[in-house]
Amino acid sequence: MRVKMSLTVVILALISVAFIADNSKMKFTATSHVFGKIKHNEPVTYEFNFTNTSGSRLIIEDATAECGCTKPTYPMQPIQAGKGGKISVTYDAKTLGSFSKKITVKLVNDDNPVILTISGEVIQ
């Protein structure tokens, strides 16, 4: 009984995640990027490309990282329907070891932010 209930909860969670992803107004070519091994104190950057799939113009309100070691930049002008853009994310590589950082992209008049993720390992 407990296994069936757990399986049901997992299936419902996966359906919910798929529904949220399908309702996004932005279609990203990828929402995560693995840098692999990078050198200490040598910043790395990745560009997350997206297309406006909403049918109307989009305005990115903010893109924030969970720490100061990660800096996202994003288009300040509206993105027209069907057009693309990019969110550039730079990791400073000042701390040795593995990392995984989330970037939250918030659109104007939309309560469902998009979460982007970068990860890798900083080595000497």
PDB file of N, CA and C in Angstrom:
ATOM      1  N   MET A   1       0.820  -1.185   0.000  1.00  0.00           N
ATOM      2  CA  MET A   1       0.000   0.000   0.000  1.00  0.00           C
ATOM      3  C   MET A   1       0.874   1.263   0.000  1.00  0.00           C
ATOM      4  N   ARG A   2       1.893   1.265   0.861  1.00  0.00           N
ATOM      5  CA  ARG A   2       2.787   2.420   0.976  1.00  0.00           C
ATOM      6  C   ARG A   2       3.553   2.648  -0.331  1.00  0.00           C
ATOM      7  N   VAL A   3       3.974   1.564  -1.002  1.00  0.00           N
ATOM      8  CA  VAL A   3       4.701   1.670  -2.261  1.00  0.00           C
ATOM      9  C   VAL A   3       3.798   2.267  -3.340  1.00  0.00           C
ATOM     10  N   LYS A   4       2.540   1.810  -3.404  1.00  0.00           N
ATOM     11  CA  LYS A   4       1.591   2.347  -4.383  1.00  0.00           C
ATOM     12  C   LYS A   4       1.367   3.832  -4.154  1.00  0.00           C
ATOM     13  N   MET A   5       1.246   4.230  -2.899  1.00  0.00           N
ATOM     14  CA  MET A   5       1.018   5.634  -2.577  1.00  0.00           C
ATOM     15  C   MET A   5       2.233   6.479  -2.972  1.00  0.00           C
ATOM     16  N   SER A   6       3.431   5.982  -2.682  1.00  0.00           N
ATOM     17  CA  SER A   6       4.648   6.699  -3.042  1.00  0.00           C
ATOM     18  C   SER A   6       4.779   6.823  -4.552  1.00  0.00           C
ATOM     19  N   LEU A   7       4.469   5.763  -5.260  1.00  0.00           N
ATOM     20  CA  LEU A   7       4.530   5.780  -6.719  1.00  0.00           C
ATOM     21  C   LEU A   7       3.526   6.783  -7.285  1.00  0.00           C
ATOM     22  N   THR A   8       2.345   6.833  -6.712  1.00  0.00           N
ATOM     23  CA  THR A   8       1.317   7.780  -7.154  1.00  0.00           C
ATOM     24  C   THR A   8       1.781   9.213  -6.937  1.00  0.00           C
ATOM     25  N   VAL A   9       2.389   9.492  -5.801  1.00  0.00           N
ATOM     26  CA  VAL A   9       2.884  10.833  -5.510  1.00  0.00           C
ATOM     27  C   VAL A   9       3.974  11.226  -6.507  1.00  0.00           C
ATOM     28  N   VAL A  10       4.883  10.314  -6.814  1.00  0.00           N
ATOM     29  CA  VAL A  10       5.961  10.587  -7.773  1.00  0.00           C
ATOM     30  C   VAL A  10       5.378  10.868  -9.157  1.00  0.00           C
ATOM     31  N   ILE A  11       4.430  10.057  -9.586  1.00  0.00           N
ATOM     32  CA  ILE A  11       3.818  10.254 -10.904  1.00  0.00           C
ATOM     33  C   ILE A  11       3.107  11.602 -10.968  1.00  0.00           C
ATOM     34  N   LEU A  12       2.355  11.958  -9.940  1.00  0.00           N
ATOM     35  CA  LEU A  12       1.670  13.254  -9.919  1.00  0.00           C
ATOM     36  C   LEU A  12       2.663  14.409  -9.936  1.00  0.00           C
ATOM     37  N   ALA A  13       3.768  14.274  -9.236  1.00  0.00           N
ATOM     38  CA  ALA A  13       4.798  15.321  -9.224  1.00  0.00           C
ATOM     39  C   ALA A  13       5.397  15.492 -10.612  1.00  0.00           C
ATOM     40  N   LEU A  14       5.685  14.387 -11.289  1.00  0.00           N
ATOM     41  CA  LEU A  14       6.246  14.461 -12.640  1.00  0.00           C
ATOM     42  C   LEU A  14       5.262  15.087 -13.620  1.00  0.00           C
ATOM     43  N   ILE A  15       3.999  14.754 -13.506  1.00  0.00           N
ATOM     44  CA  ILE A  15       2.981  15.359 -14.366  1.00  0.00           C
ATOM     45  C   ILE A  15       2.904  16.856 -14.102  1.00  0.00           C
ATOM     46  N   SER A  16       2.959  17.256 -12.841  1.00  0.00           N
ATOM     47  CA  SER A  16       2.919  18.678 -12.498  1.00  0.00           C
ATOM     48  C   SER A  16       4.106  19.422 -13.078  1.00  0.00           C
ATOM     49  N   VAL A  17       5.300  18.859 -12.975  1.00  0.00           N
ATOM     50  CA  VAL A  17       6.496  19.491 -13.519  1.00  0.00           C
ATOM     51  C   VAL A  17       6.386  19.608 -15.035  1.00  0.00           C
ATOM     52  N   ALA A  18       5.911  18.573 -15.696  1.00  0.00           N
ATOM     53  CA  ALA A  18       5.743  18.620 -17.149  1.00  0.00           C
ATOM     54  C   ALA A  18       4.720  19.680 -17.539  1.00  0.00           C
ATOM     55  N   PHE A  19       3.643  19.801 -16.784  1.00  0.00           N
ATOM     56  CA  PHE A  19       2.615  20.801 -17.075  1.00  0.00           C
ATOM     57  C   PHE A  19       3.179  22.204 -16.927  1.00  0.00           C
ATOM     58  N   ILE A  20       3.929  22.444 -15.866  1.00  0.00           N
ATOM     59  CA  ILE A  20       4.528  23.764 -15.650  1.00  0.00           C
ATOM     60  C   ILE A  20       5.508  24.073 -16.782  1.00  0.00           C
ATOM     61  N   ALA A  21       6.340  23.109 -17.164  1.00  0.00           N
ATOM     62  CA  ALA A  21       7.317  23.344 -18.226  1.00  0.00           C
ATOM     63  C   ALA A  21       6.610  23.663 -19.545  1.00  0.00           C
ATOM     64  N   ASP A  22       5.482  22.986 -19.830  1.00  0.00           N
ATOM     65  CA  ASP A  22       4.756  23.227 -21.064  1.00  0.00           C
ATOM     66  C   ASP A  22       4.049  24.575 -21.063  1.00  0.00           C
ATOM     67  N   ASN A  23       3.756  25.123 -19.898  1.00  0.00           N
ATOM     68  CA  ASN A  23       3.075  26.409 -19.809  1.00  0.00           C
ATOM     69  C   ASN A  23       4.038  27.583 -19.823  1.00  0.00           C
ATOM     70  N   SER A  24       5.306  27.334 -19.917  1.00  0.00           N
ATOM     71  CA  SER A  24       6.285  28.403 -19.912  1.00  0.00           C
ATOM     72  C   SER A  24       6.125  29.278 -21.143  1.00  0.00           C
ATOM     73  N   LYS A  25       6.359  30.558 -20.960  1.00  0.00           N
ATOM     74  CA  LYS A  25       6.286  31.514 -22.062  1.00  0.00           C
ATOM     75  C   LYS A  25       7.613  31.609 -22.799  1.00  0.00           C
ATOM     76  N   MET A  26       8.625  30.962 -22.237  1.00  0.00           N
ATOM     77  CA  MET A  26       9.955  30.956 -22.840  1.00  0.00           C
ATOM     78  C   MET A  26      10.362  29.507 -23.072  1.00  0.00           C
ATOM     79  N   LYS A  27      10.822  29.218 -24.263  1.00  0.00           N
ATOM     80  CA  LYS A  27      11.313  27.877 -24.588  1.00  0.00           C
ATOM     81  C   LYS A  27      12.828  27.951 -24.672  1.00  0.00           C
ATOM     82  N   PHE A  28      13.511  27.339 -23.703  1.00  0.00           N
ATOM     83  CA  PHE A  28      14.972  27.320 -23.665  1.00  0.00           C
ATOM     84  C   PHE A  28      15.499  26.111 -24.420  1.00  0.00           C
ATOM     85  N   THR A  29      16.631  26.280 -25.098  1.00  0.00           N
ATOM     86  CA  THR A  29      17.270  25.141 -25.743  1.00  0.00           C
ATOM     87  C   THR A  29      17.834  24.196 -24.680  1.00  0.00           C
ATOM     88  N   ALA A  30      18.181  24.752 -23.506  1.00  0.00           N
ATOM     89  CA  ALA A  30      18.630  23.966 -22.350  1.00  0.00           C
ATOM     90  C   ALA A  30      18.399  24.815 -21.107  1.00  0.00           C
ATOM     91  N   THR A  31      18.059  24.184 -19.995  1.00  0.00           N
ATOM     92  CA  THR A  31      17.883  24.919 -18.738  1.00  0.00           C
ATOM     93  C   THR A  31      18.988  24.605 -17.737  1.00  0.00           C
ATOM     94  N   SER A  32      19.937  23.779 -18.162  1.00  0.00           N
ATOM     95  CA  SER A  32      21.088  23.504 -17.295  1.00  0.00           C
ATOM     96  C   SER A  32      22.332  23.356 -18.171  1.00  0.00           C
ATOM     97  N   HIS A  33      23.475  23.631 -17.549  1.00  0.00           N
ATOM     98  CA  HIS A  33      24.753  23.490 -18.250  1.00  0.00           C
ATOM     99  C   HIS A  33      25.814  23.007 -17.269  1.00  0.00           C
ATOM    100  N   VAL A  34      26.596  22.024 -17.706  1.00  0.00           N
ATOM    101  CA  VAL A  34      27.703  21.497 -16.916  1.00  0.00           C
ATOM    102  C   VAL A  34      29.000  21.972 -17.567  1.00  0.00           C
ATOM    103  N   PHE A  35      29.769  22.776 -16.836  1.00  0.00           N
ATOM    104  CA  PHE A  35      31.045  23.268 -17.350  1.00  0.00           C
ATOM    105  C   PHE A  35      32.121  22.189 -17.330  1.00  0.00           C
ATOM    106  N   GLY A  36      31.971  21.209 -16.451  1.00  0.00           N
ATOM    107  CA  GLY A  36      33.027  20.211 -16.270  1.00  0.00           C
ATOM    108  C   GLY A  36      34.099  20.795 -15.361  1.00  0.00           C
ATOM    109  N   LYS A  37      35.348  20.463 -15.609  1.00  0.00           N
ATOM    110  CA  LYS A  37      36.451  20.978 -14.794  1.00  0.00           C
ATOM    111  C   LYS A  37      36.902  22.328 -15.345  1.00  0.00           C
ATOM    112  N   ILE A  38      36.978  23.314 -14.463  1.00  0.00           N
ATOM    113  CA  ILE A  38      37.436  24.647 -14.859  1.00  0.00           C
ATOM    114  C   ILE A  38      38.558  25.092 -13.924  1.00  0.00           C
ATOM    115  N   LYS A  39      39.409  25.967 -14.431  1.00  0.00           N
ATOM    116  CA  LYS A  39      40.564  26.409 -13.650  1.00  0.00           C
ATOM    117  C   LYS A  39      40.179  27.456 -12.612  1.00  0.00           C
ATOM    118  N   HIS A  40      40.838  27.344 -11.468  1.00  0.00           N
ATOM    119  CA  HIS A  40      40.638  28.261 -10.358  1.00  0.00           C
ATOM    120  C   HIS A  40      40.893  29.704 -10.801  1.00  0.00           C
ATOM    121  N   ASN A  41      40.016  30.609 -10.404  1.00  0.00           N
ATOM    122  CA  ASN A  41      40.104  32.051 -10.684  1.00  0.00           C
ATOM    123  C   ASN A  41      40.025  32.411 -12.172  1.00  0.00           C
ATOM    124  N   GLU A  42      39.504  31.501 -13.001  1.00  0.00           N
ATOM    125  CA  GLU A  42      39.288  31.797 -14.417  1.00  0.00           C
ATOM    126  C   GLU A  42      37.791  31.704 -14.701  1.00  0.00           C
ATOM    127  N   PRO A  43      37.101  32.847 -14.652  1.00  0.00           N
ATOM    128  CA  PRO A  43      35.643  32.845 -14.842  1.00  0.00           C
ATOM    129  C   PRO A  43      35.222  32.172 -16.144  1.00  0.00           C
ATOM    130  N   VAL A  44      34.050  31.541 -16.101  1.00  0.00           N
ATOM    131  CA  VAL A  44      33.473  30.891 -17.274  1.00  0.00           C
ATOM    132  C   VAL A  44      32.059  31.426 -17.486  1.00  0.00           C
ATOM    133  N   THR A  45      31.640  31.445 -18.752  1.00  0.00           N
ATOM    134  CA  THR A  45      30.323  31.980 -19.095  1.00  0.00           C
ATOM    135  C   THR A  45      29.591  31.000 -20.001  1.00  0.00           C
ATOM    136  N   TYR A  46      28.288  30.913 -19.800  1.00  0.00           N
ATOM    137  CA  TYR A  46      27.430  30.113 -20.671  1.00  0.00           C
ATOM    138  C   TYR A  46      26.213  30.954 -21.032  1.00  0.00           C
ATOM    139  N   GLU A  47      25.758  30.826 -22.277  1.00  0.00           N
ATOM    140  CA  GLU A  47      24.578  31.551 -22.730  1.00  0.00           C
ATOM    141  C   GLU A  47      23.407  30.591 -22.889  1.00  0.00           C
ATOM    142  N   PHE A  48      22.346  30.858 -22.120  1.00  0.00           N
ATOM    143  CA  PHE A  48      21.104  30.097 -22.234  1.00  0.00           C
ATOM    144  C   PHE A  48      20.247  30.791 -23.280  1.00  0.00           C
ATOM    145  N   ASN A  49      20.020  30.130 -24.412  1.00  0.00           N
ATOM    146  CA  ASN A  49      19.223  30.700 -25.496  1.00  0.00           C
ATOM    147  C   ASN A  49      17.758  30.310 -25.326  1.00  0.00           C
ATOM    148  N   PHE A  50      16.874  31.244 -25.634  1.00  0.00           N
ATOM    149  CA  PHE A  50      15.448  30.984 -25.511  1.00  0.00           C
ATOM    150  C   PHE A  50      14.681  31.635 -26.652  1.00  0.00           C
ATOM    151  N   THR A  51      13.438  31.182 -26.808  1.00  0.00           N
ATOM    152  CA  THR A  51      12.501  31.761 -27.769  1.00  0.00           C
ATOM    153  C   THR A  51      11.239  32.135 -27.015  1.00  0.00           C
ATOM    154  N   ASN A  52      10.671  33.279 -27.352  1.00  0.00           N
ATOM    155  CA  ASN A  52       9.398  33.717 -26.782  1.00  0.00           C
ATOM    156  C   ASN A  52       8.293  32.928 -27.478  1.00  0.00           C
ATOM    157  N   THR A  53       7.651  32.024 -26.752  1.00  0.00           N
ATOM    158  CA  THR A  53       6.584  31.187 -27.302  1.00  0.00           C
ATOM    159  C   THR A  53       5.211  31.614 -26.806  1.00  0.00           C
ATOM    160  N   SER A  54       5.109  32.806 -26.227  1.00  0.00           N
ATOM    161  CA  SER A  54       3.865  33.238 -25.580  1.00  0.00           C
ATOM    162  C   SER A  54       2.812  33.800 -26.518  1.00  0.00           C
ATOM    163  N   GLY A  55       3.205  34.251 -27.699  1.00  0.00           N
ATOM    164  CA  GLY A  55       2.246  34.886 -28.584  1.00  0.00           C
ATOM    165  C   GLY A  55       2.138  36.389 -28.381  1.00  0.00           C
ATOM    166  N   SER A  56       2.823  36.909 -27.379  1.00  0.00           N
ATOM    167  CA  SER A  56       2.881  38.357 -27.146  1.00  0.00           C
ATOM    168  C   SER A  56       4.276  38.691 -26.638  1.00  0.00           C
ATOM    169  N   ARG A  57       4.578  39.972 -26.529  1.00  0.00           N
ATOM    170  CA  ARG A  57       5.931  40.341 -26.108  1.00  0.00           C
ATOM    171  C   ARG A  57       6.154  39.988 -24.640  1.00  0.00           C
ATOM    172  N   LEU A  58       7.396  39.649 -24.332  1.00  0.00           N
ATOM    173  CA  LEU A  58       7.796  39.310 -22.965  1.00  0.00           C
ATOM    174  C   LEU A  58       8.790  40.343 -22.463  1.00  0.00           C
ATOM    175  N   ILE A  59       8.704  40.605 -21.172  1.00  0.00           N
ATOM    176  CA  ILE A  59       9.691  41.460 -20.530  1.00  0.00           C
ATOM    177  C   ILE A  59      10.256  40.686 -19.347  1.00  0.00           C
ATOM    178  N   ILE A  60      11.575  40.532 -19.342  1.00  0.00           N
ATOM    179  CA  ILE A  60      12.220  39.881 -18.204  1.00  0.00           C
ATOM    180  C   ILE A  60      12.351  40.921 -17.099  1.00  0.00           C
ATOM    181  N   GLU A  61      11.730  40.634 -15.985  1.00  0.00           N
ATOM    182  CA  GLU A  61      11.767  41.544 -14.837  1.00  0.00           C
ATOM    183  C   GLU A  61      13.112  41.472 -14.133  1.00  0.00           C
ATOM    184  N   ASP A  62      13.619  40.245 -13.975  1.00  0.00           N
ATOM    185  CA  ASP A  62      14.869  40.060 -13.256  1.00  0.00           C
ATOM    186  C   ASP A  62      15.413  38.662 -13.501  1.00  0.00           C
ATOM    187  N   ALA A  63      16.715  38.533 -13.394  1.00  0.00           N
ATOM    188  CA  ALA A  63      17.386  37.234 -13.395  1.00  0.00           C
ATOM    189  C   ALA A  63      18.382  37.307 -12.247  1.00  0.00           C
ATOM    190  N   THR A  64      18.180  36.473 -11.240  1.00  0.00           N
ATOM    191  CA  THR A  64      19.020  36.531 -10.045  1.00  0.00           C
ATOM    192  C   THR A  64      19.664  35.181  -9.774  1.00  0.00           C
ATOM    193  N   ALA A  65      20.883  35.244  -9.285  1.00  0.00           N
ATOM    194  CA  ALA A  65      21.615  34.039  -8.901  1.00  0.00           C
ATOM    195  C   ALA A  65      21.523  33.872  -7.389  1.00  0.00           C
ATOM    196  N   GLU A  66      21.747  32.665  -6.939  1.00  0.00           N
ATOM    197  CA  GLU A  66      21.623  32.390  -5.508  1.00  0.00           C
ATOM    198  C   GLU A  66      22.835  32.836  -4.698  1.00  0.00           C
ATOM    199  N   CYS A  67      23.882  33.312  -5.377  1.00  0.00           N
ATOM    200  CA  CYS A  67      25.039  33.828  -4.646  1.00  0.00           C
ATOM    201  C   CYS A  67      25.776  34.852  -5.499  1.00  0.00           C
ATOM    202  N   GLY A  68      26.699  35.563  -4.888  1.00  0.00           N
ATOM    203  CA  GLY A  68      27.458  36.591  -5.586  1.00  0.00           C
ATOM    204  C   GLY A  68      28.519  36.061  -6.535  1.00  0.00           C
ATOM    205  N   CYS A  69      28.766  34.766  -6.506  1.00  0.00           N
ATOM    206  CA  CYS A  69      29.779  34.157  -7.375  1.00  0.00           C
ATOM    207  C   CYS A  69      29.266  33.946  -8.803  1.00  0.00           C
ATOM    208  N   THR A  70      27.967  34.122  -8.984  1.00  0.00           N
ATOM    209  CA  THR A  70      27.319  33.883 -10.271  1.00  0.00           C
ATOM    210  C   THR A  70      26.608  35.148 -10.706  1.00  0.00           C
ATOM    211  N   LYS A  71      26.885  35.598 -11.940  1.00  0.00           N
ATOM    212  CA  LYS A  71      26.284  36.837 -12.418  1.00  0.00           C
ATOM    213  C   LYS A  71      25.541  36.602 -13.727  1.00  0.00           C
ATOM    214  N   PRO A  72      24.204  36.713 -13.685  1.00  0.00           N
ATOM    215  CA  PRO A  72      23.436  36.618 -14.930  1.00  0.00           C
ATOM    216  C   PRO A  72      23.226  37.992 -15.563  1.00  0.00           C
ATOM    217  N   THR A  73      23.184  38.046 -16.878  1.00  0.00           N
ATOM    218  CA  THR A  73      22.778  39.242 -17.607  1.00  0.00           C
ATOM    219  C   THR A  73      21.677  38.814 -18.572  1.00  0.00           C
ATOM    220  N   TYR A  74      20.752  39.721 -18.838  1.00  0.00           N
ATOM    221  CA  TYR A  74      19.581  39.380 -19.642  1.00  0.00           C
ATOM    222  C   TYR A  74      19.136  40.589 -20.459  1.00  0.00           C
ATOM    223  N   PRO A  75      18.335  40.367 -21.497  1.00  0.00           N
ATOM    224  CA  PRO A  75      17.866  41.476 -22.327  1.00  0.00           C
ATOM    225  C   PRO A  75      16.976  42.425 -21.519  1.00  0.00           C
ATOM    226  N   MET A  76      17.232  43.706 -21.645  1.00  0.00           N
ATOM    227  CA  MET A  76      16.420  44.700 -20.953  1.00  0.00           C
ATOM    228  C   MET A  76      15.215  45.135 -21.796  1.00  0.00           C
ATOM    229  N   GLN A  77      15.303  44.941 -23.105  1.00  0.00           N
ATOM    230  CA  GLN A  77      14.212  45.338 -23.978  1.00  0.00           C
ATOM    231  C   GLN A  77      13.213  44.180 -24.103  1.00  0.00           C
ATOM    232  N   PRO A  78      11.951  44.486 -24.444  1.00  0.00           N
ATOM    233  CA  PRO A  78      10.954  43.416 -24.628  1.00  0.00           C
ATOM    234  C   PRO A  78      11.379  42.463 -25.747  1.00  0.00           C
ATOM    235  N   ILE A  79      11.029  41.200 -25.583  1.00  0.00           N
ATOM    236  CA  ILE A  79      11.297  40.191 -26.601  1.00  0.00           C
ATOM    237  C   ILE A  79       9.964  39.939 -27.306  1.00  0.00           C
ATOM    238  N   GLN A  80       9.927  40.200 -28.591  1.00  0.00           N
ATOM    239  CA  GLN A  80       8.698  40.051 -29.373  1.00  0.00           C
ATOM    240  C   GLN A  80       8.344  38.577 -29.537  1.00  0.00           C
ATOM    241  N   ALA A  81       7.057  38.308 -29.753  1.00  0.00           N
ATOM    242  CA  ALA A  81       6.568  36.939 -29.961  1.00  0.00           C
ATOM    243  C   ALA A  81       7.336  36.272 -31.091  1.00  0.00           C
ATOM    244  N   GLY A  82       7.780  35.046 -30.848  1.00  0.00           N
ATOM    245  CA  GLY A  82       8.495  34.279 -31.848  1.00  0.00           C
ATOM    246  C   GLY A  82       9.977  34.600 -31.949  1.00  0.00           C
ATOM    247  N   LYS A  83      10.420  35.653 -31.286  1.00  0.00           N
ATOM    248  CA  LYS A  83      11.828  36.055 -31.334  1.00  0.00           C
ATOM    249  C   LYS A  83      12.591  35.401 -30.190  1.00  0.00           C
ATOM    250  N   GLY A  84      13.910  35.434 -30.317  1.00  0.00           N
ATOM    251  CA  GLY A  84      14.759  34.806 -29.322  1.00  0.00           C
ATOM    252  C   GLY A  84      15.596  35.797 -28.542  1.00  0.00           C
ATOM    253  N   GLY A  85      16.237  35.282 -27.548  1.00  0.00           N
ATOM    254  CA  GLY A  85      17.142  36.069 -26.725  1.00  0.00           C
ATOM    255  C   GLY A  85      18.069  35.127 -25.981  1.00  0.00           C
ATOM    256  N   LYS A  86      18.902  35.703 -25.123  1.00  0.00           N
ATOM    257  CA  LYS A  86      19.812  34.860 -24.352  1.00  0.00           C
ATOM    258  C   LYS A  86      20.010  35.450 -22.971  1.00  0.00           C
ATOM    259  N   ILE A  87      20.224  34.548 -22.033  1.00  0.00           N
ATOM    260  CA  ILE A  87      20.600  34.918 -20.676  1.00  0.00           C
ATOM    261  C   ILE A  87      22.008  34.391 -20.491  1.00  0.00           C
ATOM    262  N   SER A  88      22.934  35.303 -20.283  1.00  0.00           N
ATOM    263  CA  SER A  88      24.337  34.961 -20.129  1.00  0.00           C
ATOM    264  C   SER A  88      24.640  34.826 -18.636  1.00  0.00           C
ATOM    265  N   VAL A  89      25.293  33.733 -18.267  1.00  0.00           N
ATOM    266  CA  VAL A  89      25.597  33.475 -16.854  1.00  0.00           C
ATOM    267  C   VAL A  89      27.100  33.257 -16.703  1.00  0.00           C
ATOM    268  N   THR A  90      27.722  34.058 -15.833  1.00  0.00           N
ATOM    269  CA  THR A  90      29.157  33.938 -15.577  1.00  0.00           C
ATOM    270  C   THR A  90      29.383  33.472 -14.143  1.00  0.00           C
ATOM    271  N   TYR A  91      30.230  32.445 -14.006  1.00  0.00           N
ATOM    272  CA  TYR A  91      30.631  31.931 -12.696  1.00  0.00           C
ATOM    273  C   TYR A  91      32.071  32.351 -12.465  1.00  0.00           C
ATOM    274  N   ASP A  92      32.381  32.928 -11.293  1.00  0.00           N
ATOM    275  CA  ASP A  92      33.705  33.518 -11.047  1.00  0.00           C
ATOM    276  C   ASP A  92      34.830  32.520 -10.757  1.00  0.00           C
ATOM    277  N   ALA A  93      34.530  31.284 -10.419  1.00  0.00           N
ATOM    278  CA  ALA A  93      35.523  30.213 -10.195  1.00  0.00           C
ATOM    279  C   ALA A  93      36.539  30.554  -9.109  1.00  0.00           C
ATOM    280  N   LYS A  94      36.142  31.279  -8.087  1.00  0.00           N
ATOM    281  CA  LYS A  94      37.059  31.650  -7.008  1.00  0.00           C
ATOM    282  C   LYS A  94      37.153  30.604  -5.900  1.00  0.00           C
ATOM    283  N   THR A  95      36.200  29.676  -5.865  1.00  0.00           N
ATOM    284  CA  THR A  95      36.186  28.667  -4.816  1.00  0.00           C
ATOM    285  C   THR A  95      36.466  27.295  -5.407  1.00  0.00           C
ATOM    286  N   LEU A  96      37.468  26.609  -4.853  1.00  0.00           N
ATOM    287  CA  LEU A  96      37.818  25.262  -5.320  1.00  0.00           C
ATOM    288  C   LEU A  96      36.718  24.272  -4.968  1.00  0.00           C
ATOM    289  N   GLY A  97      36.537  23.276  -5.834  1.00  0.00           N
ATOM    290  CA  GLY A  97      35.583  22.207  -5.569  1.00  0.00           C
ATOM    291  C   GLY A  97      34.378  22.257  -6.485  1.00  0.00           C
ATOM    292  N   SER A  98      33.463  21.337  -6.242  1.00  0.00           N
ATOM    293  CA  SER A  98      32.250  21.229  -7.051  1.00  0.00           C
ATOM    294  C   SER A  98      31.279  22.350  -6.722  1.00  0.00           C
ATOM    295  N   PHE A  99      30.504  22.754  -7.726  1.00  0.00           N
ATOM    296  CA  PHE A  99      29.482  23.773  -7.506  1.00  0.00           C
ATOM    297  C   PHE A  99      28.249  23.458  -8.346  1.00  0.00           C
ATOM    298  N   SER A 100      27.123  23.930  -7.877  1.00  0.00           N
ATOM    299  CA  SER A 100      25.861  23.879  -8.602  1.00  0.00           C
ATOM    300  C   SER A 100      25.097  25.129  -8.185  1.00  0.00           C
ATOM    301  N   LYS A 101      24.788  25.981  -9.147  1.00  0.00           N
ATOM    302  CA  LYS A 101      24.153  27.273  -8.862  1.00  0.00           C
ATOM    303  C   LYS A 101      22.879  27.421  -9.675  1.00  0.00           C
ATOM    304  N   LYS A 102      21.855  27.978  -9.025  1.00  0.00           N
ATOM    305  CA  LYS A 102      20.569  28.221  -9.678  1.00  0.00           C
ATOM    306  C   LYS A 102      20.421  29.692 -10.003  1.00  0.00           C
ATOM    307  N   ILE A 103      19.818  29.948 -11.152  1.00  0.00           N
ATOM    308  CA  ILE A 103      19.503  31.307 -11.580  1.00  0.00           C
ATOM    309  C   ILE A 103      17.993  31.346 -11.790  1.00  0.00           C
ATOM    310  N   THR A 104      17.332  32.296 -11.151  1.00  0.00           N
ATOM    311  CA  THR A 104      15.881  32.429 -11.258  1.00  0.00           C
ATOM    312  C   THR A 104      15.551  33.557 -12.221  1.00  0.00           C
ATOM    313  N   VAL A 105      14.788  33.228 -13.267  1.00  0.00           N
ATOM    314  CA  VAL A 105      14.391  34.200 -14.284  1.00  0.00           C
ATOM    315  C   VAL A 105      12.916  34.515 -14.073  1.00  0.00           C
ATOM    316  N   LYS A 106      12.641  35.785 -13.760  1.00  0.00           N
ATOM    317  CA  LYS A 106      11.275  36.229 -13.479  1.00  0.00           C
ATOM    318  C   LYS A 106      10.798  37.135 -14.598  1.00  0.00           C
ATOM    319  N   LEU A 107       9.618  36.823 -15.145  1.00  0.00           N
ATOM    320  CA  LEU A 107       8.996  37.643 -16.170  1.00  0.00           C
ATOM    321  C   LEU A 107       7.988  38.597 -15.548  1.00  0.00           C
ATOM    322  N   VAL A 108       7.785  39.750 -16.173  1.00  0.00           N
ATOM    323  CA  VAL A 108       6.765  40.690 -15.724  1.00  0.00           C
ATOM    324  C   VAL A 108       5.398  40.018 -15.883  1.00  0.00           C
ATOM    325  N   ASN A 109       4.542  40.157 -14.877  1.00  0.00           N
ATOM    326  CA  ASN A 109       3.174  39.610 -14.872  1.00  0.00           C
ATOM    327  C   ASN A 109       3.120  38.092 -15.011  1.00  0.00           C
ATOM    328  N   ASP A 110       4.093  37.403 -14.459  1.00  0.00           N
ATOM    329  CA  ASP A 110       4.114  35.939 -14.497  1.00  0.00           C
ATOM    330  C   ASP A 110       4.652  35.439 -13.164  1.00  0.00           C
ATOM    331  N   ASP A 111       3.856  34.635 -12.481  1.00  0.00           N
ATOM    332  CA  ASP A 111       4.247  34.131 -11.160  1.00  0.00           C
ATOM    333  C   ASP A 111       5.046  32.833 -11.211  1.00  0.00           C
ATOM    334  N   ASN A 112       5.350  32.351 -12.417  1.00  0.00           N
ATOM    335  CA  ASN A 112       6.083  31.091 -12.562  1.00  0.00           C
ATOM    336  C   ASN A 112       7.474  31.351 -13.117  1.00  0.00           C
ATOM    337  N   PRO A 113       8.463  31.559 -12.228  1.00  0.00           N
ATOM    338  CA  PRO A 113       9.821  31.811 -12.724  1.00  0.00           C
ATOM    339  C   PRO A 113      10.416  30.568 -13.377  1.00  0.00           C
ATOM    340  N   VAL A 114      11.390  30.803 -14.235  1.00  0.00           N
ATOM    341  CA  VAL A 114      12.150  29.724 -14.857  1.00  0.00           C
ATOM    342  C   VAL A 114      13.438  29.579 -14.058  1.00  0.00           C
ATOM    343  N   ILE A 115      13.822  28.358 -13.761  1.00  0.00           N
ATOM    344  CA  ILE A 115      15.057  28.088 -13.018  1.00  0.00           C
ATOM    345  C   ILE A 115      16.087  27.507 -13.982  1.00  0.00           C
ATOM    346  N   LEU A 116      17.231  28.192 -14.066  1.00  0.00           N
ATOM    347  CA  LEU A 116      18.365  27.711 -14.853  1.00  0.00           C
ATOM    348  C   LEU A 116      19.429  27.228 -13.887  1.00  0.00           C
ATOM    349  N   THR A 117      20.243  26.273 -14.301  1.00  0.00           N
ATOM    350  CA  THR A 117      21.271  25.727 -13.412  1.00  0.00           C
ATOM    351  C   THR A 117      22.606  25.594 -14.142  1.00  0.00           C
ATOM    352  N   ILE A 118      23.675  25.996 -13.449  1.00  0.00           N
ATOM    353  CA  ILE A 118      25.025  25.728 -13.930  1.00  0.00           C
ATOM    354  C   ILE A 118      25.750  24.885 -12.876  1.00  0.00           C
ATOM    355  N   SER A 119      26.674  24.068 -13.332  1.00  0.00           N
ATOM    356  CA  SER A 119      27.443  23.262 -12.383  1.00  0.00           C
ATOM    357  C   SER A 119      28.805  22.934 -12.991  1.00  0.00           C
ATOM    358  N   GLY A 120      29.660  22.423 -12.156  1.00  0.00           N
ATOM    359  CA  GLY A 120      31.009  22.055 -12.583  1.00  0.00           C
ATOM    360  C   GLY A 120      31.903  21.826 -11.390  1.00  0.00           C
ATOM    361  N   GLU A 121      33.223  21.820 -11.663  1.00  0.00           N
ATOM    362  CA  GLU A 121      34.206  21.637 -10.603  1.00  0.00           C
ATOM    363  C   GLU A 121      35.385  22.567 -10.874  1.00  0.00           C
ATOM    364  N   VAL A 122      35.722  23.352  -9.859  1.00  0.00           N
ATOM    365  CA  VAL A 122      36.862  24.262  -9.955  1.00  0.00           C
ATOM    366  C   VAL A 122      38.094  23.517  -9.431  1.00  0.00           C
ATOM    367  N   ILE A 123      39.139  23.482 -10.280  1.00  0.00           N
ATOM    368  CA  ILE A 123      40.385  22.771  -9.905  1.00  0.00           C
ATOM    369  C   ILE A 123      41.562  23.742  -9.968  1.00  0.00           C
ATOM    370  N   GLN A 124      42.677  23.346  -9.343  1.00  0.00           N
ATOM    371  CA  GLN A 124      43.911  24.157  -9.355  1.00  0.00           C
ATOM    372  C   GLN A 124      44.522  24.196 -10.727  1.00  0.00           C
TER     373      GLN A 124
END
